[in-house]
Amino acid sequence: MYIGNGEIVHFTGGANSDTSLAAKQRAAITRERLDVILNIANAHATPLEVVNYATEESVGDRKTIVSRALSRVGEKGYNVVTR
């Protein structure tokens, strides 16, 4: 998620070829510079996709959304049942 000032909050799982359950459980939510992610994606020929999931009315205002994303930075593991 783009949070402004050239930064994103994203889930590290799924960006590489290791899609195993163990890899997902090691993954984490991180805050990084967008240019760093774009350089990594370009180096590995990994396509990036911009998706508009919802409108402001359905998920809240930008400040609330960014605050919620930042509060999850550092969380580790992915559970398809609870996430």
C-alpha atoms as a PDB file:
ATOM      1  CA  MET A   1       0.000   0.000   0.000  1.00  0.00           C
ATOM      2  CA  TYR A   2       1.394   3.381  -0.966  1.00  0.00           C
ATOM      3  CA  ILE A   3       1.406   5.545   2.176  1.00  0.00           C
ATOM      4  CA  GLY A   4       2.926   8.708   0.716  1.00  0.00           C
ATOM      5  CA  ASN A   5       6.364  10.306   0.629  1.00  0.00           C
ATOM      6  CA  GLY A   6       7.675   7.534  -1.610  1.00  0.00           C
ATOM      7  CA  GLU A   7       6.976   4.786   0.942  1.00  0.00           C
ATOM      8  CA  ILE A   8       4.894   1.621   0.935  1.00  0.00           C
ATOM      9  CA  VAL A   9       3.708  -0.903   3.505  1.00  0.00           C
ATOM     10  CA  HIS A  10       3.610  -4.409   2.057  1.00  0.00           C
ATOM     11  CA  PHE A  11       3.570  -8.094   2.854  1.00  0.00           C
ATOM     12  CA  THR A  12       6.892  -9.707   1.954  1.00  0.00           C
ATOM     13  CA  GLY A  13       5.374 -13.086   1.030  1.00  0.00           C
ATOM     14  CA  GLY A  14       4.692 -14.044  -2.555  1.00  0.00           C
ATOM     15  CA  ALA A  15       7.210 -11.745  -4.231  1.00  0.00           C
ATOM     16  CA  ASN A  16       9.566 -14.606  -4.999  1.00  0.00           C
ATOM     17  CA  SER A  17       9.267 -18.107  -6.346  1.00  0.00           C
ATOM     18  CA  ASP A  18       9.028 -19.749  -2.907  1.00  0.00           C
ATOM     19  CA  THR A  19       5.283 -19.963  -2.313  1.00  0.00           C
ATOM     20  CA  SER A  20       5.494 -22.723   0.294  1.00  0.00           C
ATOM     21  CA  LEU A  21       3.596 -22.554   3.550  1.00  0.00           C
ATOM     22  CA  ALA A  22       6.904 -22.246   5.433  1.00  0.00           C
ATOM     23  CA  ALA A  23       7.851 -19.203   3.341  1.00  0.00           C
ATOM     24  CA  LYS A  24       4.497 -17.576   4.050  1.00  0.00           C
ATOM     25  CA  GLN A  25       4.904 -18.185   7.782  1.00  0.00           C
ATOM     26  CA  ARG A  26       8.317 -16.419   7.694  1.00  0.00           C
ATOM     27  CA  ALA A  27       6.987 -13.453   5.751  1.00  0.00           C
ATOM     28  CA  ALA A  28       6.352 -10.096   7.412  1.00  0.00           C
ATOM     29  CA  ILE A  29       4.610  -6.785   6.907  1.00  0.00           C
ATOM     30  CA  THR A  30       7.275  -4.160   6.216  1.00  0.00           C
ATOM     31  CA  ARG A  31       7.616  -0.458   5.478  1.00  0.00           C
ATOM     32  CA  GLU A  32       9.971   0.336   2.622  1.00  0.00           C
ATOM     33  CA  ARG A  33      10.817   2.935   0.020  1.00  0.00           C
ATOM     34  CA  LEU A  34       8.913   2.407  -3.213  1.00  0.00           C
ATOM     35  CA  ASP A  35      12.025   2.981  -5.335  1.00  0.00           C
ATOM     36  CA  VAL A  36      13.814   0.114  -3.558  1.00  0.00           C
ATOM     37  CA  ILE A  37      10.944  -2.281  -4.298  1.00  0.00           C
ATOM     38  CA  LEU A  38      10.777  -1.146  -7.919  1.00  0.00           C
ATOM     39  CA  ASN A  39      14.532  -1.714  -8.344  1.00  0.00           C
ATOM     40  CA  ILE A  40      14.245  -5.225  -6.872  1.00  0.00           C
ATOM     41  CA  ALA A  41      11.246  -6.031  -9.066  1.00  0.00           C
ATOM     42  CA  ASN A  42      13.033  -4.783 -12.183  1.00  0.00           C
ATOM     43  CA  ALA A  43      16.179  -6.758 -11.336  1.00  0.00           C
ATOM     44  CA  HIS A  44      14.166  -9.971 -11.050  1.00  0.00           C
ATOM     45  CA  ALA A  45      11.753  -9.183 -13.890  1.00  0.00           C
ATOM     46  CA  THR A  46       8.893  -9.406 -11.388  1.00  0.00           C
ATOM     47  CA  PRO A  47       5.757  -7.606 -12.555  1.00  0.00           C
ATOM     48  CA  LEU A  48       4.070  -5.265 -10.104  1.00  0.00           C
ATOM     49  CA  GLU A  49       0.380  -4.533 -10.145  1.00  0.00           C
ATOM     50  CA  VAL A  50      -1.563  -1.568  -8.820  1.00  0.00           C
ATOM     51  CA  VAL A  51      -5.009  -2.557  -7.603  1.00  0.00           C
ATOM     52  CA  ASN A  52      -7.724  -0.255  -6.334  1.00  0.00           C
ATOM     53  CA  TYR A  53      -9.516  -2.543  -3.882  1.00  0.00           C
ATOM     54  CA  ALA A  54     -12.105  -0.257  -2.392  1.00  0.00           C
ATOM     55  CA  THR A  55     -13.513   3.217  -2.214  1.00  0.00           C
ATOM     56  CA  GLU A  56     -13.041   5.591   0.697  1.00  0.00           C
ATOM     57  CA  GLU A  57     -16.630   4.996   1.754  1.00  0.00           C
ATOM     58  CA  SER A  58     -16.052   1.267   2.280  1.00  0.00           C
ATOM     59  CA  VAL A  59     -12.735   1.320   4.170  1.00  0.00           C
ATOM     60  CA  GLY A  60     -12.389   4.768   5.738  1.00  0.00           C
ATOM     61  CA  ASP A  61     -10.385   7.873   5.082  1.00  0.00           C
ATOM     62  CA  ARG A  62      -6.738   7.876   3.987  1.00  0.00           C
ATOM     63  CA  LYS A  63      -5.383   8.826   7.426  1.00  0.00           C
ATOM     64  CA  THR A  64      -7.192   5.887   9.071  1.00  0.00           C
ATOM     65  CA  ILE A  65      -6.091   3.444   6.373  1.00  0.00           C
ATOM     66  CA  VAL A  66      -2.425   4.487   6.587  1.00  0.00           C
ATOM     67  CA  SER A  67      -2.533   4.391  10.387  1.00  0.00           C
ATOM     68  CA  ARG A  68      -3.978   0.872  10.305  1.00  0.00           C
ATOM     69  CA  ALA A  69      -1.308  -0.286   7.833  1.00  0.00           C
ATOM     70  CA  LEU A  70       1.523   1.219   9.898  1.00  0.00           C
ATOM     71  CA  SER A  71       0.194  -0.436  13.055  1.00  0.00           C
ATOM     72  CA  ARG A  72       0.710  -3.847  11.411  1.00  0.00           C
ATOM     73  CA  VAL A  73       4.351  -3.282  10.384  1.00  0.00           C
ATOM     74  CA  GLY A  74       6.456  -6.037  11.919  1.00  0.00           C
ATOM     75  CA  GLU A  75       3.698  -8.652  12.021  1.00  0.00           C
ATOM     76  CA  LYS A  76       5.005 -11.990  10.843  1.00  0.00           C
ATOM     77  CA  GLY A  77       3.446 -15.056   9.349  1.00  0.00           C
ATOM     78  CA  TYR A  78       0.530 -15.555   7.046  1.00  0.00           C
ATOM     79  CA  ASN A  79      -2.476 -17.650   7.841  1.00  0.00           C
ATOM     80  CA  VAL A  80      -4.981 -18.054   5.039  1.00  0.00           C
ATOM     81  CA  VAL A  81      -7.723 -18.777   7.608  1.00  0.00           C
ATOM     82  CA  THR A  82      -7.237 -15.653   9.738  1.00  0.00           C
ATOM     83  CA  ARG A  83      -5.888 -13.133   7.205  1.00  0.00           C
END
